Amino acid sequence: MPAYKSGKKTAEYSLNFKRKAVEWSFQSHRTVKSVAEALDIHPFMLSKWRRAYLDGVFGMPKVPPKSQNKPKSQDEISALKQRIAELEEENDILKGVATISSRTKAQAFRFIKAFTGVYSVKLMCLHLRVSRSGYYAWLQRGVSKHAQIDKVLGERIALLHKRSEGRYGSPKIHEALKQEGVRVGKKRVARLMKEAGLKARVDRVYRRRNKSRAFFKGLKNRRRELSKPLKINQQWSSDVTYIRVGNKWGYLAVVIDLCSRKIVGWSLSHRLDTDLTMLAITKAVRARKPKQGLLFHTDRGREYCADRVRHYLSSIGAMQSMNRPGHCTDNAEVESFFKTLKGELIKDAFIGSLVQLEEKLRRYIDYFYNRTRLHGSIGYVSPIAFEKQQI
């Protein structure tokens, strides 16, 4: 037995609606069930209306049910087909009207304009409870001031989205407009982006599991004992991710300053080994020259547990810290960067060689991510701009 969908009570349906539903159900090629489903009412309810209709309750003379099923002429058949078409059109209009139940007059007029040519303007005005004269007057008024501002804002939003190469969603677009002196609500920006089909590029991060079951005993998580860094070069974090290069894998190691979120060192290789991580670390140290006491946090991968890495970090006076077993969120900042990178740069892009990937990463990390990209965690400025504020 089908369940009620609309939740309406019998008393809420007009007499005209009931009469039309019953007339439709008496057609020879229709069934009570199909008509009820089309009108989103319960078959039992329609059956009850049919009995009332036959008894003359709807203000009509008693009609034998069989007389409705046997048209006597071609004219009658044509009239019935026309009536069915009208009922189907009205049903479609009612379904469309239901989607804008909390409508304003402007929303009703926009609905009518959108479906002009599909449905009758007269019927749409009737079901939306607006006058045809009001609708035609609305058409003559032209574009409202609000719509004109939306158009200008939409063009600016599209330009900012293009400049970010499709990487910014509505929060960052809103912040970029704010920095340009444009005062606009977040919901308005989100609405305009949705209407224009603009959204941020995102991707899921999948971590490649090493087939080796060897366990390297790591150090404890020293980062949990410390508060959030207030200055640069106090806490760094590092990790490795994989990227498809042709029919092989490329491996990217990065080092991030947890205060400014700047990528201070990175390296790329076809092999996942200690050479890869050591190159990223030494690049970061040469560029930043951190003082003794730097906290260097990583996961428990063997490329960070190697003696070569641990001895080097010890030689520069850095304290090594590692994730707790099974807690990849201890290194959330780097995981977040990898998700951003793959969504904004790698997704849907074919990369045929390591040289091609390296050039793409150089442009993205050194010129966009560090210098231009707005970061919500540091007040919607770029990492380099944030570090300049600290000087």
Protein backbone atom coordinates (compact mmCIF):
# COMPACT_ATOMS: atom_id res chain seq x y z
CA MET A 1 0.00 0.00 0.00
CA PRO A 2 1.57 3.37 -0.96
CA ALA A 3 2.27 5.82 1.82
CA TYR A 4 1.08 9.42 2.00
CA LYS A 5 3.66 11.75 0.46
CA SER A 6 2.19 15.21 0.75
CA GLY A 7 0.87 14.96 4.31
CA LYS A 8 -2.24 16.98 3.31
CA LYS A 9 -5.69 16.30 4.72
CA THR A 10 -8.76 15.80 2.56
CA ALA A 11 -10.25 19.13 3.58
CA GLU A 12 -7.26 20.98 2.13
CA TYR A 13 -8.09 19.97 -1.47
CA SER A 14 -10.48 22.22 -3.36
CA LEU A 15 -13.72 20.88 -4.78
CA ASN A 16 -12.51 21.70 -8.27
CA PHE A 17 -9.31 19.68 -7.71
CA LYS A 18 -11.31 16.67 -6.50
CA ARG A 19 -13.69 16.84 -9.46
CA LYS A 20 -10.82 17.01 -11.97
CA ALA A 21 -9.02 14.13 -10.30
CA VAL A 22 -12.12 11.96 -10.43
CA GLU A 23 -12.86 12.84 -14.07
CA TRP A 24 -9.31 11.89 -14.99
CA SER A 25 -9.56 8.58 -13.09
CA PHE A 26 -12.67 7.55 -15.08
CA GLN A 27 -10.79 7.53 -18.39
CA SER A 28 -10.64 4.05 -19.92
CA HIS A 29 -6.85 3.98 -20.23
CA ARG A 30 -6.29 5.22 -16.67
CA THR A 31 -6.33 3.45 -13.32
CA VAL A 32 -7.08 4.84 -9.89
CA LYS A 33 -3.57 3.99 -8.76
CA SER A 34 -1.82 5.76 -11.67
CA VAL A 35 -3.90 8.91 -11.27
CA ALA A 36 -3.34 8.95 -7.49
CA GLU A 37 0.42 8.62 -7.94
CA ALA A 38 0.47 11.38 -10.57
CA LEU A 39 -1.41 13.75 -8.26
CA ASP A 40 0.51 12.65 -5.15
CA ILE A 41 -2.57 11.52 -3.23
CA HIS A 42 -3.57 8.20 -1.67
CA PRO A 43 -5.58 5.77 -3.88
CA PHE A 44 -8.09 5.24 -1.03
CA MET A 45 -8.73 8.98 -0.96
CA LEU A 46 -9.33 9.08 -4.72
CA SER A 47 -11.68 6.09 -4.46
CA LYS A 48 -13.65 7.93 -1.80
CA TRP A 49 -13.92 10.99 -4.07
CA ARG A 50 -15.11 8.78 -6.94
CA ARG A 51 -17.97 7.41 -4.83
CA ALA A 52 -18.92 10.92 -3.72
CA TYR A 53 -18.80 12.11 -7.32
CA LEU A 54 -21.12 9.33 -8.47
CA ASP A 55 -23.52 10.15 -5.64
CA GLY A 56 -23.67 13.79 -6.74
CA VAL A 57 -21.90 15.12 -3.61
CA PHE A 58 -19.64 17.37 -5.73
CA GLY A 59 -22.63 19.32 -7.04
CA MET A 60 -22.96 17.16 -10.15
CA PRO A 61 -25.84 14.89 -11.18
CA LYS A 62 -25.41 11.22 -10.45
CA VAL A 63 -23.33 9.66 -13.21
CA PRO A 64 -23.12 5.91 -13.85
CA PRO A 65 -19.43 4.91 -13.77
CA LYS A 66 -19.63 2.94 -17.02
CA SER A 67 -20.89 5.95 -18.97
CA GLN A 68 -17.56 7.63 -18.39
CA ASN A 69 -15.63 4.70 -19.76
CA LYS A 70 -17.42 4.44 -23.13
CA PRO A 71 -17.16 7.59 -25.23
CA LYS A 72 -19.83 7.69 -27.93
CA SER A 73 -18.10 9.76 -30.59
CA GLN A 74 -14.78 10.95 -31.95
CA ASP A 75 -15.56 14.46 -30.68
CA GLU A 76 -15.97 13.10 -27.18
CA ILE A 77 -12.64 11.28 -27.43
CA SER A 78 -10.89 14.46 -28.61
CA ALA A 79 -12.46 16.45 -25.79
CA LEU A 80 -11.32 13.87 -23.25
CA LYS A 81 -7.74 13.91 -24.61
CA GLN A 82 -7.68 17.68 -24.40
CA ARG A 83 -8.97 17.56 -20.85
CA ILE A 84 -6.29 15.00 -19.88
CA ALA A 85 -3.60 17.26 -21.35
CA GLU A 86 -4.96 20.19 -19.34
CA LEU A 87 -4.97 18.14 -16.14
CA GLU A 88 -1.42 16.93 -16.76
CA GLU A 89 -0.26 20.50 -17.35
CA GLU A 90 -1.95 21.70 -14.16
CA ASN A 91 -0.38 18.83 -12.23
CA ASP A 92 3.10 19.76 -13.52
CA ILE A 93 2.50 23.40 -12.58
CA LEU A 94 1.40 22.41 -9.07
CA LYS A 95 4.59 20.39 -8.62
CA GLY A 96 6.68 23.37 -9.72
CA VAL A 97 4.75 25.73 -7.45
CA ALA A 98 5.46 23.43 -4.49
CA THR A 99 9.20 24.09 -4.90
CA ILE A 100 8.68 27.79 -4.15
CA SER A 101 6.09 27.50 -1.41
CA SER A 102 7.67 30.34 0.64
CA ARG A 103 7.73 32.58 -2.44
CA THR A 104 7.60 36.35 -2.81
CA LYS A 105 5.86 37.98 -5.74
CA ALA A 106 9.21 38.50 -7.45
CA GLN A 107 10.00 34.78 -7.10
CA ALA A 108 6.58 33.89 -8.51
CA PHE A 109 7.11 36.22 -11.46
CA ARG A 110 10.57 34.75 -12.13
CA PHE A 111 9.02 31.26 -12.09
CA ILE A 112 6.39 32.31 -14.63
CA LYS A 113 9.02 33.93 -16.86
CA ALA A 114 11.22 30.81 -16.73
CA PHE A 115 8.36 28.50 -17.79
CA THR A 116 6.64 30.78 -20.28
CA GLY A 117 6.26 28.76 -23.45
CA VAL A 118 6.11 25.54 -21.46
CA TYR A 119 2.94 26.21 -19.47
CA SER A 120 0.07 28.62 -19.83
CA VAL A 121 0.75 32.02 -18.24
CA LYS A 122 -2.90 32.17 -17.19
CA LEU A 123 -2.71 28.84 -15.34
CA MET A 124 0.61 29.69 -13.68
CA CYS A 125 -0.74 33.03 -12.45
CA LEU A 126 -3.84 31.23 -11.14
CA HIS A 127 -1.88 28.65 -9.14
CA LEU A 128 0.72 31.15 -7.92
CA ARG A 129 -2.07 33.52 -6.88
CA VAL A 130 -0.72 36.54 -8.74
CA SER A 131 -2.44 38.62 -11.39
CA ARG A 132 -1.50 38.54 -15.04
CA SER A 133 -1.51 42.34 -15.12
CA GLY A 134 0.97 42.37 -12.23
CA TYR A 135 3.20 39.90 -14.03
CA TYR A 136 3.23 41.88 -17.27
CA ALA A 137 3.85 45.10 -15.33
CA TRP A 138 6.82 43.39 -13.64
CA LEU A 139 8.20 42.46 -17.05
CA GLN A 140 8.10 46.11 -18.15
CA ARG A 141 10.02 47.37 -15.11
CA GLY A 142 13.36 46.03 -16.32
CA VAL A 143 16.23 44.82 -14.15
CA SER A 144 16.09 45.85 -10.48
CA LYS A 145 18.95 47.65 -8.74
CA HIS A 146 19.65 44.54 -6.65
CA ALA A 147 19.90 42.41 -9.80
CA GLN A 148 22.24 44.98 -11.40
CA ILE A 149 24.54 44.83 -8.37
CA ASP A 150 24.39 41.02 -8.51
CA LYS A 151 25.55 41.15 -12.11
CA VAL A 152 28.56 43.35 -11.28
CA LEU A 153 29.41 41.21 -8.25
CA GLY A 154 29.06 38.05 -10.28
CA GLU A 155 31.54 39.31 -12.85
CA ARG A 156 34.06 40.22 -10.12
CA ILE A 157 33.58 36.86 -8.42
CA ALA A 158 34.13 35.03 -11.70
CA LEU A 159 37.37 37.00 -12.25
CA LEU A 160 38.69 36.17 -8.74
CA HIS A 161 37.76 32.53 -9.21
CA LYS A 162 39.59 32.48 -12.55
CA ARG A 163 42.68 34.14 -11.03
CA SER A 164 42.83 31.41 -8.41
CA GLU A 165 42.58 28.87 -11.24
CA GLY A 166 39.34 27.57 -9.77
CA ARG A 167 40.90 26.91 -6.34
CA TYR A 168 38.85 29.35 -4.23
CA GLY A 169 35.45 28.53 -2.78
CA SER A 170 32.97 31.10 -1.46
CA PRO A 171 34.76 31.75 1.90
CA LYS A 172 38.01 32.78 0.22
CA ILE A 173 36.23 34.67 -2.57
CA HIS A 174 34.33 36.57 0.13
CA GLU A 175 37.57 37.40 1.93
CA ALA A 176 39.23 38.48 -1.34
CA LEU A 177 36.31 40.85 -2.02
CA LYS A 178 36.57 42.17 1.53
CA GLN A 179 40.27 42.93 1.04
CA GLU A 180 39.35 44.87 -2.10
CA GLY A 181 36.92 46.97 -0.07
CA VAL A 182 33.76 45.29 -1.36
CA ARG A 183 31.19 44.82 1.39
CA VAL A 184 28.98 41.84 0.69
CA GLY A 185 27.50 38.99 2.72
CA LYS A 186 28.92 35.48 2.68
CA LYS A 187 25.56 33.97 1.71
CA ARG A 188 25.23 36.33 -1.23
CA VAL A 189 28.67 35.33 -2.53
CA ALA A 190 27.79 31.64 -2.10
CA ARG A 191 24.49 32.15 -3.95
CA LEU A 192 26.08 33.98 -6.87
CA MET A 193 28.79 31.32 -7.16
CA LYS A 194 26.19 28.56 -7.12
CA GLU A 195 24.11 30.31 -9.80
CA ALA A 196 27.25 30.70 -11.95
CA GLY A 197 28.31 27.09 -11.36
CA LEU A 198 31.56 28.13 -9.66
CA LYS A 199 33.07 26.02 -6.90
CA ALA A 200 36.45 25.21 -5.43
CA ARG A 201 38.53 22.35 -6.75
CA VAL A 202 38.82 19.68 -4.07
CA ASP A 203 39.99 16.12 -3.92
CA ARG A 204 40.26 13.31 -1.40
CA VAL A 205 43.68 12.30 -0.13
CA TYR A 206 44.53 8.62 -0.29
CA ARG A 207 47.66 7.50 1.51
CA ARG A 208 49.69 4.78 -0.19
CA ARG A 209 50.30 2.03 2.32
CA ASN A 210 53.72 0.46 2.26
CA LYS A 211 53.56 -3.31 1.83
CA SER A 212 56.30 -3.79 4.39
CA ARG A 213 55.06 -4.70 7.84
CA ALA A 214 58.32 -3.73 9.49
CA PHE A 215 57.79 -1.49 12.48
CA PHE A 216 60.20 1.33 13.22
CA LYS A 217 60.05 2.44 16.80
CA GLY A 218 59.61 6.23 16.75
CA LEU A 219 60.02 8.95 19.29
CA LYS A 220 57.16 10.22 21.40
CA ASN A 221 54.86 13.00 20.30
CA ARG A 222 56.56 16.05 21.80
CA ARG A 223 54.25 18.40 19.95
CA ARG A 224 51.35 17.55 22.25
CA GLU A 225 53.37 18.90 25.17
CA LEU A 226 53.79 22.32 23.54
CA SER A 227 51.36 25.14 22.79
CA LYS A 228 50.69 26.54 19.32
CA PRO A 229 53.79 28.31 17.90
CA LEU A 230 53.68 32.11 18.05
CA LYS A 231 56.76 32.76 15.92
CA ILE A 232 58.27 31.24 12.78
CA ASN A 233 60.96 28.56 13.00
CA GLN A 234 59.67 27.24 16.33
CA GLN A 235 57.80 24.19 15.00
CA TRP A 236 58.07 22.47 11.62
CA SER A 237 56.13 19.51 10.30
CA SER A 238 56.96 17.17 7.42
CA ASP A 239 55.40 14.30 5.48
CA VAL A 240 55.42 12.54 2.10
CA THR A 241 52.61 11.99 -0.42
CA TYR A 242 52.40 10.25 -3.79
CA ILE A 243 51.31 11.66 -7.17
CA ARG A 244 50.60 9.79 -10.39
CA VAL A 245 53.24 10.45 -13.07
CA GLY A 246 52.40 8.63 -16.30
CA ASN A 247 52.04 4.98 -15.31
CA LYS A 248 54.29 5.34 -12.25
CA TRP A 249 54.29 7.18 -8.93
CA GLY A 250 56.14 10.32 -7.98
CA TYR A 251 56.80 11.12 -4.32
CA LEU A 252 56.66 14.61 -2.83
CA ALA A 253 58.17 15.50 0.57
CA VAL A 254 57.39 18.86 2.16
CA VAL A 255 58.40 20.77 5.28
CA ILE A 256 55.88 23.30 6.66
CA ASP A 257 56.38 26.04 9.24
CA LEU A 258 53.43 25.52 11.59
CA CYS A 259 53.27 29.20 12.53
CA SER A 260 52.94 30.74 9.06
CA ARG A 261 51.95 27.57 7.12
CA LYS A 262 54.67 28.36 4.59
CA ILE A 263 56.27 25.50 2.66
CA VAL A 264 59.89 26.07 3.65
CA GLY A 265 61.33 23.07 1.80
CA TRP A 266 60.19 20.41 -0.66
CA SER A 267 61.64 17.68 -2.86
CA LEU A 268 60.41 15.31 -5.54
CA SER A 269 61.56 11.84 -6.61
CA HIS A 270 60.50 8.59 -8.25
CA ARG A 271 61.67 6.77 -5.12
CA LEU A 272 60.32 6.89 -1.59
CA ASP A 273 63.48 6.81 0.52
CA THR A 274 65.64 8.74 2.96
CA ASP A 275 67.27 10.76 0.14
CA LEU A 276 63.86 12.28 -0.63
CA THR A 277 63.15 13.44 2.93
CA MET A 278 66.73 14.53 3.60
CA LEU A 279 66.71 16.80 0.54
CA ALA A 280 63.51 18.53 1.69
CA ILE A 281 64.88 18.97 5.22
CA THR A 282 68.28 20.34 4.15
CA LYS A 283 66.60 22.77 1.74
CA ALA A 284 64.44 24.07 4.58
CA VAL A 285 67.39 24.42 6.95
CA ARG A 286 69.52 26.29 4.38
CA ALA A 287 66.65 28.66 3.58
CA ARG A 288 65.52 29.37 7.17
CA LYS A 289 68.60 28.76 9.35
CA PRO A 290 66.55 27.85 12.47
CA LYS A 291 67.97 28.21 15.96
CA GLN A 292 68.46 25.33 18.36
CA GLY A 293 65.29 24.06 19.98
CA LEU A 294 63.30 23.71 16.75
CA LEU A 295 60.57 21.04 17.01
CA PHE A 296 60.53 18.81 13.92
CA HIS A 297 57.33 16.73 13.76
CA THR A 298 56.64 13.86 11.31
CA ASP A 299 54.72 10.61 11.01
CA ARG A 300 56.31 7.28 11.93
CA GLY A 301 57.47 6.40 8.41
CA ARG A 302 60.83 4.69 8.02
CA GLU A 303 62.10 7.56 5.86
CA TYR A 304 61.97 9.71 9.01
CA CYS A 305 63.06 7.02 11.49
CA ALA A 306 66.32 6.42 9.60
CA ASP A 307 69.55 7.08 11.54
CA ARG A 308 70.68 9.50 8.87
CA VAL A 309 67.67 11.77 9.44
CA ARG A 310 67.80 11.52 13.22
CA HIS A 311 71.53 12.30 13.36
CA TYR A 312 71.13 15.31 11.08
CA LEU A 313 68.29 16.77 13.15
CA SER A 314 70.32 16.24 16.29
CA SER A 315 73.30 18.02 14.72
CA ILE A 316 71.29 21.22 14.13
CA GLY A 317 69.78 21.13 17.64
CA ALA A 318 66.27 20.12 16.56
CA MET A 319 63.97 18.00 18.71
CA GLN A 320 62.32 15.18 16.77
CA SER A 321 58.64 14.42 17.38
CA MET A 322 56.40 11.76 15.83
CA ASN A 323 52.72 10.91 15.54
CA ARG A 324 51.19 8.55 18.02
CA PRO A 325 50.57 5.14 16.40
CA GLY A 326 47.33 5.27 14.42
CA HIS A 327 46.88 9.04 14.86
CA CYS A 328 47.53 10.64 11.46
CA THR A 329 45.65 13.75 12.65
CA ASP A 330 48.69 14.61 14.79
CA ASN A 331 50.14 15.86 11.49
CA ALA A 332 46.93 17.51 10.30
CA GLU A 333 48.50 20.62 8.79
CA VAL A 334 50.56 18.67 6.26
CA GLU A 335 47.62 16.37 5.48
CA SER A 336 45.53 19.49 4.85
CA PHE A 337 48.17 20.87 2.49
CA PHE A 338 48.26 17.62 0.50
CA LYS A 339 44.47 17.64 0.17
CA THR A 340 44.58 21.26 -1.04
CA LEU A 341 47.43 20.55 -3.45
CA LYS A 342 45.72 17.56 -5.04
CA GLY A 343 42.39 19.32 -5.31
CA GLU A 344 43.73 22.58 -6.72
CA LEU A 345 46.62 21.38 -8.89
CA ILE A 346 46.67 17.64 -9.54
CA LYS A 347 43.02 16.63 -9.91
CA ASP A 348 41.97 15.87 -13.53
CA ALA A 349 45.46 16.80 -14.80
CA PHE A 350 47.58 14.35 -16.76
CA ILE A 351 51.26 14.55 -15.81
CA GLY A 352 53.55 12.64 -18.13
CA SER A 353 56.95 13.15 -16.54
CA LEU A 354 58.66 14.07 -13.29
CA VAL A 355 60.11 17.19 -14.94
CA GLN A 356 56.60 18.35 -15.86
CA LEU A 357 55.36 17.69 -12.32
CA GLU A 358 58.32 19.53 -10.78
CA GLU A 359 57.59 22.64 -12.87
CA LYS A 360 53.91 22.57 -11.91
CA LEU A 361 54.82 22.19 -8.21
CA ARG A 362 57.34 25.03 -8.41
CA ARG A 363 54.77 27.42 -9.84
CA TYR A 364 52.11 26.31 -7.37
CA ILE A 365 54.16 26.18 -4.14
CA ASP A 366 56.68 28.99 -4.66
CA TYR A 367 54.51 31.47 -6.52
CA PHE A 368 50.89 30.76 -5.60
CA TYR A 369 50.65 28.88 -2.31
CA ASN A 370 53.39 30.76 -0.42
CA ARG A 371 52.96 34.20 -2.01
CA THR A 372 49.34 34.62 -3.06
CA ARG A 373 46.90 32.05 -1.69
CA LEU A 374 44.70 33.22 1.20
CA HIS A 375 44.88 30.94 4.26
CA GLY A 376 41.94 30.94 6.65
CA SER A 377 44.04 29.64 9.57
CA ILE A 378 46.29 32.74 9.52
CA GLY A 379 43.66 35.42 8.97
CA TYR A 380 43.13 35.11 5.22
CA VAL A 381 46.57 36.29 4.15
CA SER A 382 49.36 34.47 2.34
CA PRO A 383 52.17 32.81 4.37
CA ILE A 384 54.76 35.34 3.14
CA ALA A 385 52.45 38.26 4.01
CA PHE A 386 51.89 36.73 7.45
CA GLU A 387 55.63 36.42 8.08
CA LYS A 388 56.15 40.06 7.06
CA GLN A 389 53.62 41.06 9.70
CA GLN A 390 55.75 39.28 12.31
CA ILE A 391 58.87 41.27 11.54
